[in-house]
PDB file of N, CA and C in Angstrom:
ATOM      1  N   MET A   1    -119.709   6.320  -9.882  1.00  0.00           N
ATOM      2  CA  MET A   1    -121.039   7.378 -10.064  1.00  0.00           C
ATOM      3  C   MET A   1    -121.553   7.298 -11.688  1.00  0.00           C
ATOM      4  N   ASP A   2    -123.139   7.391 -11.205  1.00  0.00           N
ATOM      5  CA  ASP A   2    -123.837   7.658 -12.369  1.00  0.00           C
ATOM      6  C   ASP A   2    -124.072   9.052 -13.041  1.00  0.00           C
ATOM      7  N   PHE A   3    -123.537   9.839 -13.987  1.00  0.00           N
ATOM      8  CA  PHE A   3    -123.762  10.963 -13.948  1.00  0.00           C
ATOM      9  C   PHE A   3    -125.473  11.087 -14.874  1.00  0.00           C
ATOM     10  N   ASN A   4    -125.503  12.827 -15.006  1.00  0.00           N
ATOM     11  CA  ASN A   4    -126.495  12.938 -16.003  1.00  0.00           C
ATOM     12  C   ASN A   4    -126.039  14.266 -16.575  1.00  0.00           C
ATOM     13  N   LEU A   5    -126.671  15.040 -17.136  1.00  0.00           N
ATOM     14  CA  LEU A   5    -126.714  16.257 -17.488  1.00  0.00           C
ATOM     15  C   LEU A   5    -127.269  17.559 -17.637  1.00  0.00           C
ATOM     16  N   PRO A   6    -127.384  18.225 -16.146  1.00  0.00           N
ATOM     17  CA  PRO A   6    -127.498  19.055 -16.067  1.00  0.00           C
ATOM     18  C   PRO A   6    -126.679  20.622 -16.741  1.00  0.00           C
ATOM     19  N   GLU A   7    -127.310  21.077 -17.675  1.00  0.00           N
ATOM     20  CA  GLU A   7    -126.774  22.212 -18.073  1.00  0.00           C
ATOM     21  C   GLU A   7    -125.963  22.149 -18.709  1.00  0.00           C
ATOM     22  N   ASN A   8    -125.830  21.289 -19.717  1.00  0.00           N
ATOM     23  CA  ASN A   8    -124.736  20.491 -20.733  1.00  0.00           C
ATOM     24  C   ASN A   8    -123.211  20.369 -20.277  1.00  0.00           C
ATOM     25  N   LEU A   9    -124.046  19.784 -18.856  1.00  0.00           N
ATOM     26  CA  LEU A   9    -122.308  19.714 -17.763  1.00  0.00           C
ATOM     27  C   LEU A   9    -122.832  17.994 -17.637  1.00  0.00           C
ATOM     28  N   LEU A  10    -121.886  17.246 -17.048  1.00  0.00           N
ATOM     29  CA  LEU A  10    -121.796  15.959 -16.223  1.00  0.00           C
ATOM     30  C   LEU A  10    -122.018  16.316 -14.759  1.00  0.00           C
ATOM     31  N   GLY A  11    -123.033  15.863 -14.758  1.00  0.00           N
ATOM     32  CA  GLY A  11    -123.290  16.141 -13.072  1.00  0.00           C
ATOM     33  C   GLY A  11    -123.879  14.674 -12.399  1.00  0.00           C
ATOM     34  N   PHE A  12    -123.450  15.335 -11.384  1.00  0.00           N
ATOM     35  CA  PHE A  12    -123.292  14.178 -10.317  1.00  0.00           C
ATOM     36  C   PHE A  12    -123.710  14.504  -8.793  1.00  0.00           C
ATOM     37  N   LYS A  13    -123.985  14.009  -7.684  1.00  0.00           N
ATOM     38  CA  LYS A  13    -124.528  14.827  -6.231  1.00  0.00           C
ATOM     39  C   LYS A  13    -123.524  15.618  -5.829  1.00  0.00           C
ATOM     40  N   THR A  14    -122.137  15.329  -5.942  1.00  0.00           N
ATOM     41  CA  THR A  14    -120.881  16.084  -5.283  1.00  0.00           C
ATOM     42  C   THR A  14    -120.801  17.765  -6.404  1.00  0.00           C
ATOM     43  N   GLY A  15    -121.613  17.646  -7.840  1.00  0.00           N
ATOM     44  CA  GLY A  15    -121.066  18.803  -8.536  1.00  0.00           C
ATOM     45  C   GLY A  15    -121.138  18.381  -9.885  1.00  0.00           C
ATOM     46  N   LYS A  16    -120.931  19.382 -10.845  1.00  0.00           N
ATOM     47  CA  LYS A  16    -121.056  19.654 -11.962  1.00  0.00           C
ATOM     48  C   LYS A  16    -119.452  19.635 -12.359  1.00  0.00           C
ATOM     49  N   TYR A  17    -119.421  19.328 -13.977  1.00  0.00           N
ATOM     50  CA  TYR A  17    -118.376  18.989 -14.568  1.00  0.00           C
ATOM     51  C   TYR A  17    -117.936  19.181 -16.073  1.00  0.00           C
ATOM     52  N   LYS A  18    -117.540  19.627 -16.301  1.00  0.00           N
ATOM     53  CA  LYS A  18    -116.991  20.033 -17.824  1.00  0.00           C
ATOM     54  C   LYS A  18    -116.870  18.781 -18.211  1.00  0.00           C
ATOM     55  N   PRO A  19    -117.368  18.130 -19.856  1.00  0.00           N
ATOM     56  CA  PRO A  19    -116.608  17.037 -20.585  1.00  0.00           C
ATOM     57  C   PRO A  19    -115.949  17.525 -20.760  1.00  0.00           C
ATOM     58  N   GLU A  20    -115.073  18.410 -20.843  1.00  0.00           N
ATOM     59  CA  GLU A  20    -112.969  18.800 -21.468  1.00  0.00           C
ATOM     60  C   GLU A  20    -112.688  17.840 -20.399  1.00  0.00           C
ATOM     61  N   ASP A  21    -113.293  18.122 -18.894  1.00  0.00           N
ATOM     62  CA  ASP A  21    -112.352  16.945 -17.810  1.00  0.00           C
ATOM     63  C   ASP A  21    -111.900  15.446 -17.876  1.00  0.00           C
ATOM     64  N   PHE A  22    -113.159  14.905 -18.937  1.00  0.00           N
ATOM     65  CA  PHE A  22    -113.005  13.660 -18.668  1.00  0.00           C
ATOM     66  C   PHE A  22    -112.786  12.971 -20.076  1.00  0.00           C
ATOM     67  N   GLU A  23    -112.703  11.412 -20.190  1.00  0.00           N
ATOM     68  CA  GLU A  23    -112.301  11.070 -21.237  1.00  0.00           C
ATOM     69  C   GLU A  23    -113.425   9.383 -21.545  1.00  0.00           C
ATOM     70  N   ILE A  24    -113.861   9.149 -22.278  1.00  0.00           N
ATOM     71  CA  ILE A  24    -114.366   7.846 -22.729  1.00  0.00           C
ATOM     72  C   ILE A  24    -113.523   7.023 -22.290  1.00  0.00           C
ATOM     73  N   VAL A  25    -113.195   6.033 -21.890  1.00  0.00           N
ATOM     74  CA  VAL A  25    -112.635   4.856 -21.235  1.00  0.00           C
ATOM     75  C   VAL A  25    -112.923   3.550 -21.853  1.00  0.00           C
ATOM     76  N   ASP A  26    -114.371   3.508 -22.037  1.00  0.00           N
ATOM     77  CA  ASP A  26    -114.926   2.881 -22.982  1.00  0.00           C
ATOM     78  C   ASP A  26    -116.711   2.294 -23.098  1.00  0.00           C
ATOM     79  N   THR A  27    -116.712   1.660 -24.035  1.00  0.00           N
ATOM     80  CA  THR A  27    -118.124   2.124 -24.752  1.00  0.00           C
ATOM     81  C   THR A  27    -119.014   0.532 -24.732  1.00  0.00           C
ATOM     82  N   TYR A  28    -120.429   0.689 -23.768  1.00  0.00           N
ATOM     83  CA  TYR A  28    -120.599  -0.888 -24.228  1.00  0.00           C
ATOM     84  C   TYR A  28    -122.123  -0.416 -24.675  1.00  0.00           C
ATOM     85  N   ARG A  29    -122.473  -1.404 -25.636  1.00  0.00           N
ATOM     86  CA  ARG A  29    -124.047  -1.132 -26.676  1.00  0.00           C
ATOM     87  C   ARG A  29    -124.358  -2.464 -26.319  1.00  0.00           C
ATOM     88  N   TYR A  30    -125.422  -1.902 -25.623  1.00  0.00           N
ATOM     89  CA  TYR A  30    -126.868  -2.998 -24.991  1.00  0.00           C
ATOM     90  C   TYR A  30    -127.986  -3.457 -26.314  1.00  0.00           C
ATOM     91  N   GLU A  31    -128.533  -4.323 -26.519  1.00  0.00           N
ATOM     92  CA  GLU A  31    -130.173  -4.056 -27.737  1.00  0.00           C
ATOM     93  C   GLU A  31    -130.584  -5.482 -26.979  1.00  0.00           C
ATOM     94  N   GLY A  32    -131.787  -4.934 -27.074  1.00  0.00           N
ATOM     95  CA  GLY A  32    -133.101  -5.365 -26.577  1.00  0.00           C
ATOM     96  C   GLY A  32    -133.618  -6.893 -27.511  1.00  0.00           C
ATOM     97  N   ASP A  33    -133.411  -8.124 -27.048  1.00  0.00           N
ATOM     98  CA  ASP A  33    -134.128  -9.455 -27.736  1.00  0.00           C
ATOM     99  C   ASP A  33    -134.912  -9.169 -28.799  1.00  0.00           C
ATOM    100  N   SER A  34    -135.981  -8.041 -28.992  1.00  0.00           N
ATOM    101  CA  SER A  34    -136.513  -8.035 -29.548  1.00  0.00           C
ATOM    102  C   SER A  34    -137.202  -6.587 -30.368  1.00  0.00           C
ATOM    103  N   ASP A  35    -136.953  -6.028 -29.718  1.00  0.00           N
ATOM    104  CA  ASP A  35    -137.318  -4.594 -29.639  1.00  0.00           C
ATOM    105  C   ASP A  35    -136.762  -3.527 -29.989  1.00  0.00           C
ATOM    106  N   PRO A  36    -135.948  -2.835 -31.204  1.00  0.00           N
ATOM    107  CA  PRO A  36    -134.897  -2.151 -31.848  1.00  0.00           C
ATOM    108  C   PRO A  36    -135.273  -0.984 -30.249  1.00  0.00           C
ATOM    109  N   GLY A  37    -136.166  -0.715 -29.756  1.00  0.00           N
ATOM    110  CA  GLY A  37    -136.343   0.340 -28.742  1.00  0.00           C
ATOM    111  C   GLY A  37    -135.103   0.246 -27.801  1.00  0.00           C
ATOM    112  N   ASP A  38    -134.905  -1.216 -27.600  1.00  0.00           N
ATOM    113  CA  ASP A  38    -134.195  -1.281 -25.686  1.00  0.00           C
ATOM    114  C   ASP A  38    -132.945  -0.839 -26.792  1.00  0.00           C
ATOM    115  N   GLU A  39    -132.591  -0.511 -27.064  1.00  0.00           N
ATOM    116  CA  GLU A  39    -131.044  -0.248 -26.920  1.00  0.00           C
ATOM    117  C   GLU A  39    -130.633   1.153 -26.607  1.00  0.00           C
ATOM    118  N   ALA A  40    -129.451   0.721 -25.763  1.00  0.00           N
ATOM    119  CA  ALA A  40    -128.718   1.926 -25.170  1.00  0.00           C
ATOM    120  C   ALA A  40    -127.305   1.603 -25.121  1.00  0.00           C
ATOM    121  N   THR A  41    -126.362   2.952 -25.326  1.00  0.00           N
ATOM    122  CA  THR A  41    -125.265   2.726 -25.324  1.00  0.00           C
ATOM    123  C   THR A  41    -124.755   3.461 -23.729  1.00  0.00           C
ATOM    124  N   VAL A  42    -123.724   2.721 -23.018  1.00  0.00           N
ATOM    125  CA  VAL A  42    -122.792   2.920 -21.709  1.00  0.00           C
ATOM    126  C   VAL A  42    -121.541   3.373 -21.939  1.00  0.00           C
ATOM    127  N   TYR A  43    -121.157   4.670 -21.438  1.00  0.00           N
ATOM    128  CA  TYR A  43    -120.138   5.396 -21.514  1.00  0.00           C
ATOM    129  C   TYR A  43    -119.495   4.942 -20.613  1.00  0.00           C
ATOM    130  N   ALA A  44    -118.109   4.540 -20.343  1.00  0.00           N
ATOM    131  CA  ALA A  44    -117.506   4.070 -19.016  1.00  0.00           C
ATOM    132  C   ALA A  44    -116.331   5.536 -19.371  1.00  0.00           C
ATOM    133  N   LEU A  45    -116.806   6.812 -18.283  1.00  0.00           N
ATOM    134  CA  LEU A  45    -116.163   8.053 -18.471  1.00  0.00           C
ATOM    135  C   LEU A  45    -115.228   7.964 -17.141  1.00  0.00           C
ATOM    136  N   GLN A  46    -113.713   8.169 -16.722  1.00  0.00           N
ATOM    137  CA  GLN A  46    -112.567   9.024 -16.515  1.00  0.00           C
ATOM    138  C   GLN A  46    -112.575  10.267 -16.306  1.00  0.00           C
ATOM    139  N   SER A  47    -112.452  10.818 -15.512  1.00  0.00           N
ATOM    140  CA  SER A  47    -111.914  12.365 -15.146  1.00  0.00           C
ATOM    141  C   SER A  47    -110.489  13.047 -15.193  1.00  0.00           C
ATOM    142  N   LYS A  48    -109.894  13.503 -15.195  1.00  0.00           N
ATOM    143  CA  LYS A  48    -108.603  14.098 -15.225  1.00  0.00           C
ATOM    144  C   LYS A  48    -108.021  13.774 -14.175  1.00  0.00           C
ATOM    145  N   SER A  49    -108.481  13.253 -12.883  1.00  0.00           N
ATOM    146  CA  SER A  49    -108.053  13.772 -11.515  1.00  0.00           C
ATOM    147  C   SER A  49    -108.568  12.484 -10.862  1.00  0.00           C
ATOM    148  N   GLY A  50    -108.808  11.365 -11.743  1.00  0.00           N
ATOM    149  CA  GLY A  50    -109.105   9.866 -11.749  1.00  0.00           C
ATOM    150  C   GLY A  50    -110.310   9.325 -11.131  1.00  0.00           C
ATOM    151  N   GLU A  51    -111.487  10.150 -10.820  1.00  0.00           N
ATOM    152  CA  GLU A  51    -113.006   9.763 -10.894  1.00  0.00           C
ATOM    153  C   GLU A  51    -113.422   9.119 -12.144  1.00  0.00           C
ATOM    154  N   LYS A  52    -114.229   7.921 -11.572  1.00  0.00           N
ATOM    155  CA  LYS A  52    -114.781   7.379 -12.787  1.00  0.00           C
ATOM    156  C   LYS A  52    -116.077   7.081 -12.718  1.00  0.00           C
ATOM    157  N   GLY A  53    -116.895   7.134 -13.806  1.00  0.00           N
ATOM    158  CA  GLY A  53    -118.927   6.924 -13.968  1.00  0.00           C
ATOM    159  C   GLY A  53    -119.113   6.742 -15.036  1.00  0.00           C
ATOM    160  N   VAL A  54    -120.125   6.186 -15.360  1.00  0.00           N
ATOM    161  CA  VAL A  54    -120.496   5.985 -16.203  1.00  0.00           C
ATOM    162  C   VAL A  54    -121.471   6.873 -16.710  1.00  0.00           C
ATOM    163  N   LEU A  55    -122.055   7.021 -17.828  1.00  0.00           N
ATOM    164  CA  LEU A  55    -123.104   7.989 -18.952  1.00  0.00           C
ATOM    165  C   LEU A  55    -123.918   6.831 -19.626  1.00  0.00           C
ATOM    166  N   VAL A  56    -125.084   7.069 -19.255  1.00  0.00           N
ATOM    167  CA  VAL A  56    -125.741   5.957 -20.276  1.00  0.00           C
ATOM    168  C   VAL A  56    -126.702   6.709 -21.101  1.00  0.00           C
ATOM    169  N   SER A  57    -126.790   6.480 -22.500  1.00  0.00           N
ATOM    170  CA  SER A  57    -127.565   7.126 -23.217  1.00  0.00           C
ATOM    171  C   SER A  57    -128.277   6.008 -24.581  1.00  0.00           C
ATOM    172  N   GLY A  58    -129.719   7.269 -24.725  1.00  0.00           N
ATOM    173  CA  GLY A  58    -130.637   5.818 -25.892  1.00  0.00           C
ATOM    174  C   GLY A  58    -129.640   5.731 -27.183  1.00  0.00           C
ATOM    175  N   TYR A  59    -130.652   4.807 -27.621  1.00  0.00           N
ATOM    176  CA  TYR A  59    -129.656   4.473 -28.954  1.00  0.00           C
ATOM    177  C   TYR A  59    -130.689   4.497 -30.015  1.00  0.00           C
ATOM    178  N   GLY A  60    -130.503   5.264 -31.495  1.00  0.00           N
ATOM    179  CA  GLY A  60    -131.113   4.980 -32.691  1.00  0.00           C
ATOM    180  C   GLY A  60    -132.083   6.419 -31.892  1.00  0.00           C
ATOM    181  N   HIS A  61    -133.793   6.048 -32.998  1.00  0.00           N
ATOM    182  CA  HIS A  61    -134.650   6.675 -32.408  1.00  0.00           C
ATOM    183  C   HIS A  61    -134.878   7.412 -30.976  1.00  0.00           C
ATOM    184  N   SER A  62    -134.618   6.342 -29.738  1.00  0.00           N
ATOM    185  CA  SER A  62    -134.374   7.170 -28.632  1.00  0.00           C
ATOM    186  C   SER A  62    -133.095   8.149 -28.321  1.00  0.00           C
ATOM    187  N   SER A  63    -132.499   8.278 -29.219  1.00  0.00           N
ATOM    188  CA  SER A  63    -130.210   8.806 -28.069  1.00  0.00           C
ATOM    189  C   SER A  63    -131.937  10.481 -27.941  1.00  0.00           C
ATOM    190  N   ASP A  64    -130.667  11.035 -27.604  1.00  0.00           N
ATOM    191  CA  ASP A  64    -130.975  12.057 -27.212  1.00  0.00           C
ATOM    192  C   ASP A  64    -129.761  13.484 -27.676  1.00  0.00           C
ATOM    193  N   VAL A  65    -130.070  14.459 -28.258  1.00  0.00           N
ATOM    194  CA  VAL A  65    -129.199  15.775 -28.738  1.00  0.00           C
ATOM    195  C   VAL A  65    -127.964  15.746 -27.785  1.00  0.00           C
ATOM    196  N   ASP A  66    -128.667  16.325 -27.217  1.00  0.00           N
ATOM    197  CA  ASP A  66    -127.812  16.989 -25.819  1.00  0.00           C
ATOM    198  C   ASP A  66    -126.781  16.405 -25.414  1.00  0.00           C
ATOM    199  N   THR A  67    -127.502  14.614 -25.283  1.00  0.00           N
ATOM    200  CA  THR A  67    -125.991  13.755 -24.342  1.00  0.00           C
ATOM    201  C   THR A  67    -124.773  13.849 -25.818  1.00  0.00           C
ATOM    202  N   THR A  68    -125.708  13.632 -27.098  1.00  0.00           N
ATOM    203  CA  THR A  68    -124.505  13.707 -28.389  1.00  0.00           C
ATOM    204  C   THR A  68    -124.001  14.528 -28.134  1.00  0.00           C
ATOM    205  N   GLU A  69    -124.449  15.908 -28.563  1.00  0.00           N
ATOM    206  CA  GLU A  69    -123.600  17.197 -28.543  1.00  0.00           C
ATOM    207  C   GLU A  69    -122.547  17.039 -27.233  1.00  0.00           C
ATOM    208  N   LEU A  70    -122.965  16.552 -26.281  1.00  0.00           N
ATOM    209  CA  LEU A  70    -122.031  16.324 -25.147  1.00  0.00           C
ATOM    210  C   LEU A  70    -120.513  15.633 -25.655  1.00  0.00           C
ATOM    211  N   LEU A  71    -121.307  14.751 -25.764  1.00  0.00           N
ATOM    212  CA  LEU A  71    -120.381  13.510 -26.057  1.00  0.00           C
ATOM    213  C   LEU A  71    -119.092  13.853 -26.876  1.00  0.00           C
ATOM    214  N   LYS A  72    -119.042  15.038 -27.950  1.00  0.00           N
ATOM    215  CA  LYS A  72    -118.641  14.977 -28.826  1.00  0.00           C
ATOM    216  C   LYS A  72    -117.310  15.988 -28.555  1.00  0.00           C
ATOM    217  N   LYS A  73    -117.625  16.272 -27.665  1.00  0.00           N
ATOM    218  CA  LYS A  73    -116.560  17.194 -26.456  1.00  0.00           C
ATOM    219  C   LYS A  73    -115.803  16.936 -25.565  1.00  0.00           C
ATOM    220  N   ILE A  74    -116.187  14.884 -25.553  1.00  0.00           N
ATOM    221  CA  ILE A  74    -115.546  14.499 -24.122  1.00  0.00           C
ATOM    222  C   ILE A  74    -113.807  13.712 -25.437  1.00  0.00           C
ATOM    223  N   LYS A  75    -112.890  13.705 -25.048  1.00  0.00           N
ATOM    224  CA  LYS A  75    -112.048  12.778 -25.753  1.00  0.00           C
ATOM    225  C   LYS A  75    -112.227  11.655 -25.458  1.00  0.00           C
ATOM    226  N   ASN A  76    -111.970  10.638 -26.924  1.00  0.00           N
ATOM    227  CA  ASN A  76    -112.050   8.989 -26.660  1.00  0.00           C
ATOM    228  C   ASN A  76    -110.690   8.283 -26.492  1.00  0.00           C
ATOM    229  N   ARG A  77    -110.388   7.365 -25.491  1.00  0.00           N
ATOM    230  CA  ARG A  77    -108.922   7.132 -25.497  1.00  0.00           C
ATOM    231  C   ARG A  77    -108.619   6.148 -26.344  1.00  0.00           C
ATOM    232  N   LYS A  78    -109.671   5.660 -26.727  1.00  0.00           N
ATOM    233  CA  LYS A  78    -109.129   4.729 -28.295  1.00  0.00           C
ATOM    234  C   LYS A  78    -108.815   5.271 -29.397  1.00  0.00           C
ATOM    235  N   THR A  79    -109.475   6.419 -29.744  1.00  0.00           N
ATOM    236  CA  THR A  79    -109.059   6.754 -30.799  1.00  0.00           C
ATOM    237  C   THR A  79    -107.978   7.843 -30.852  1.00  0.00           C
TER     238      THR A  79
END
């Protein structure tokens, strides 16, 4: 699944999910070769029921406040 953020929820074509129902399984950070604006973070998510998906967020100056706040509500498996 590729998630988006409608109404501060994790959204996908099959519905909307509360961030508390997911955990961050892994995080991948990508950087452009020469442009710092080409940075992004990909979050691998898994729900309590086993559904998996990704959420992509800009990094640095292109980060999104709504995404940052939502990610704070999702438990990180590695912490």
